[in-house]
C-alpha atoms as a PDB file:
ATOM      1  CA  MET A   1     -15.190  -9.121  18.385  1.00  0.00           C
ATOM      2  CA  THR A   2     -16.069 -11.819  20.884  1.00  0.00           C
ATOM      3  CA  LYS A   3     -14.394 -12.226  24.279  1.00  0.00           C
ATOM      4  CA  ASP A   4     -12.508 -15.282  23.036  1.00  0.00           C
ATOM      5  CA  GLN A   5     -11.270 -13.452  19.946  1.00  0.00           C
ATOM      6  CA  HIS A   6     -10.233 -10.496  22.088  1.00  0.00           C
ATOM      7  CA  ALA A   7      -8.313 -12.762  24.503  1.00  0.00           C
ATOM      8  CA  PHE A   8      -6.627 -14.539  21.572  1.00  0.00           C
ATOM      9  CA  MET A   9      -5.575 -11.250  19.972  1.00  0.00           C
ATOM     10  CA  LYS A  10      -4.256  -9.920  23.292  1.00  0.00           C
ATOM     11  CA  GLU A  11      -2.207 -13.079  23.809  1.00  0.00           C
ATOM     12  CA  ARG A  12      -0.690 -12.818  20.330  1.00  0.00           C
ATOM     13  CA  PHE A  13      -0.038  -9.107  20.742  1.00  0.00           C
ATOM     14  CA  ASP A  14       1.633  -9.669  24.116  1.00  0.00           C
ATOM     15  CA  GLY A  15       3.905 -12.214  22.425  1.00  0.00           C
ATOM     16  CA  LEU A  16       4.778  -9.667  19.749  1.00  0.00           C
ATOM     17  CA  VAL A  17       5.575  -7.062  22.407  1.00  0.00           C
ATOM     18  CA  GLU A  18       7.909  -9.545  24.121  1.00  0.00           C
ATOM     19  CA  HIS A  19       9.605 -10.276  20.789  1.00  0.00           C
ATOM     20  CA  LEU A  20      10.096  -6.577  19.983  1.00  0.00           C
ATOM     21  CA  MET A  21      11.374  -5.784  23.479  1.00  0.00           C
ATOM     22  CA  GLY A  22      13.748  -8.748  23.315  1.00  0.00           C
ATOM     23  CA  ALA A  23      15.105  -7.446  20.008  1.00  0.00           C
ATOM     24  CA  GLY A  24      15.957  -4.138  21.687  1.00  0.00           C
ATOM     25  CA  LEU A  25      13.568  -2.003  19.638  1.00  0.00           C
ATOM     26  CA  PHE A  26      12.473   1.338  20.991  1.00  0.00           C
ATOM     27  CA  LEU A  27       8.790   2.205  21.123  1.00  0.00           C
ATOM     28  CA  GLU A  28       9.086   4.593  18.166  1.00  0.00           C
ATOM     29  CA  GLN A  29      10.612   1.848  16.010  1.00  0.00           C
ATOM     30  CA  ALA A  30       7.944  -0.677  17.020  1.00  0.00           C
ATOM     31  CA  VAL A  31       5.153   1.805  16.259  1.00  0.00           C
ATOM     32  CA  GLU A  32       6.701   2.499  12.853  1.00  0.00           C
ATOM     33  CA  ILE A  33       6.798  -1.235  12.035  1.00  0.00           C
ATOM     34  CA  LEU A  34       3.173  -1.725  13.086  1.00  0.00           C
ATOM     35  CA  GLU A  35       1.938   1.427  11.330  1.00  0.00           C
ATOM     36  CA  ARG A  36       3.756   0.646   8.080  1.00  0.00           C
ATOM     37  CA  GLY A  37       2.481  -2.937   8.076  1.00  0.00           C
ATOM     38  CA  MET A  38      -1.119  -1.911   8.680  1.00  0.00           C
ATOM     39  CA  ILE A  39      -1.004   0.779   5.976  1.00  0.00           C
ATOM     40  CA  GLU A  40       0.516  -1.580   3.413  1.00  0.00           C
ATOM     41  CA  ARG A  41      -2.046  -4.292   4.225  1.00  0.00           C
ATOM     42  CA  ALA A  42      -5.000  -1.857   4.059  1.00  0.00           C
ATOM     43  CA  LEU A  43      -3.814  -0.632   0.650  1.00  0.00           C
ATOM     44  CA  GLN A  44      -3.356  -4.219  -0.539  1.00  0.00           C
ATOM     45  CA  LEU A  45      -6.836  -5.246   0.624  1.00  0.00           C
ATOM     46  CA  ASN A  46      -8.365  -2.241  -1.142  1.00  0.00           C
ATOM     47  CA  LYS A  47      -6.362  -2.520  -4.377  1.00  0.00           C
ATOM     48  CA  SER A  48      -4.462   0.712  -3.582  1.00  0.00           C
ATOM     49  CA  ASN A  49      -7.692   2.700  -3.131  1.00  0.00           C
ATOM     50  CA  GLN A  50      -6.479   5.232  -0.579  1.00  0.00           C
ATOM     51  CA  SER A  51      -9.935   6.427   0.478  1.00  0.00           C
ATOM     52  CA  GLU A  52     -11.080   2.888   1.275  1.00  0.00           C
ATOM     53  CA  ALA A  53      -7.781   2.037   2.977  1.00  0.00           C
ATOM     54  CA  ALA A  54      -8.097   5.144   5.167  1.00  0.00           C
ATOM     55  CA  LYS A  55     -11.644   4.131   6.157  1.00  0.00           C
ATOM     56  CA  LEU A  56     -10.432   0.655   7.074  1.00  0.00           C
ATOM     57  CA  LEU A  57      -7.693   2.182   9.237  1.00  0.00           C
ATOM     58  CA  GLY A  58     -10.054   4.725  10.817  1.00  0.00           C
ATOM     59  CA  ILE A  59      -8.044   7.738   9.688  1.00  0.00           C
ATOM     60  CA  HIS A  60      -8.593  10.597   7.237  1.00  0.00           C
ATOM     61  CA  ARG A  61      -7.319  10.131   3.682  1.00  0.00           C
ATOM     62  CA  ASN A  62      -4.949  13.110   4.058  1.00  0.00           C
ATOM     63  CA  THR A  63      -3.465  11.514   7.185  1.00  0.00           C
ATOM     64  CA  LEU A  64      -2.967   8.268   5.264  1.00  0.00           C
ATOM     65  CA  GLN A  65      -1.208  10.117   2.445  1.00  0.00           C
ATOM     66  CA  ARG A  66       1.067  11.929   4.915  1.00  0.00           C
ATOM     67  CA  LYS A  67       1.957   8.642   6.607  1.00  0.00           C
ATOM     68  CA  MET A  68       2.609   7.034   3.219  1.00  0.00           C
ATOM     69  CA  VAL A  69       5.144   9.787   2.493  1.00  0.00           C
ATOM     70  CA  GLU A  70       6.719   9.379   5.970  1.00  0.00           C
ATOM     71  CA  HIS A  71       7.084   5.607   5.511  1.00  0.00           C
ATOM     72  CA  ARG A  72       7.976   5.885   1.798  1.00  0.00           C
ATOM     73  CA  ILE A  73       5.021   3.741   0.765  1.00  0.00           C
ATOM     74  CA  ASP A  74       4.110   3.925  -2.907  1.00  0.00           C
ATOM     75  CA  GLY A  75       0.337   4.034  -3.208  1.00  0.00           C
ATOM     76  CA  LYS A  76       0.152   3.731  -6.954  1.00  0.00           C
ATOM     77  CA  ARG A  77      -2.098   1.083  -8.363  1.00  0.00           C
ATOM     78  CA  PRO A  78      -0.266  -1.689 -10.179  1.00  0.00           C
ATOM     79  CA  ARG A  79      -0.567  -1.421 -13.920  1.00  0.00           C
ATOM     80  CA  ARG A  80      -2.842  -3.959 -15.509  1.00  0.00           C
ATOM     81  CA  LYS A  81      -0.916  -4.170 -18.743  1.00  0.00           C
ATOM     82  CA  PRO A  82       2.470  -2.811 -19.712  1.00  0.00           C
ATOM     83  CA  VAL A  83       2.246   0.368 -21.677  1.00  0.00           C
ATOM     84  CA  ALA A  84       3.096  -0.282 -25.304  1.00  0.00           C
ATOM     85  CA  LYS A  85       5.789   1.911 -26.749  1.00  0.00           C
ATOM     86  CA  ALA A  86       4.617   4.078 -29.561  1.00  0.00           C
ATOM     87  CA  VAL A  87       6.328   3.087 -32.764  1.00  0.00           C
ATOM     88  CA  ALA A  88       6.553   5.774 -35.369  1.00  0.00           C
ATOM     89  CA  LYS A  89       5.295   4.498 -38.681  1.00  0.00           C
ATOM     90  CA  LYS A  90       7.234   5.466 -41.735  1.00  0.00           C
ATOM     91  CA  HIS A  91       5.126   7.402 -44.101  1.00  0.00           C
ATOM     92  CA  VAL A  92       5.261   5.624 -47.421  1.00  0.00           C
ATOM     93  CA  ARG A  93       4.134   7.631 -50.407  1.00  0.00           C
ATOM     94  CA  ARG A  94       1.917   5.777 -52.743  1.00  0.00           C
ATOM     95  CA  PRO A  95       2.117   6.556 -56.395  1.00  0.00           C
ATOM     96  CA  ARG A  96      -0.661   8.780 -57.641  1.00  0.00           C
ATOM     97  CA  LYS A  97      -3.131   7.400 -60.080  1.00  0.00           C
ATOM     98  CA  ALA A  98      -3.105   8.996 -63.472  1.00  0.00           C
ATOM     99  CA  SER A  99      -6.280  10.832 -64.287  1.00  0.00           C
END
């Protein structure tokens, strides 16, 4: 990260801190909002691959899974296609051929 990028990020973050403080949030609540948002975004970027999301966040996969439970984040991958319901076929007896 360059100096300019760092300064830009700090300015934006300081604005966020002011917003959260103005809203009357406690530190624990603000941390929860930030942590949940980062976890959800890391999972989204990695198509719900928890190992890759944990690497992106710089934490162990088990820590990610624990935090997902704490924040009630569902880490399941979205289904590609809806599961078709099994339809029982009626067994139709065919007449036997005479021999």
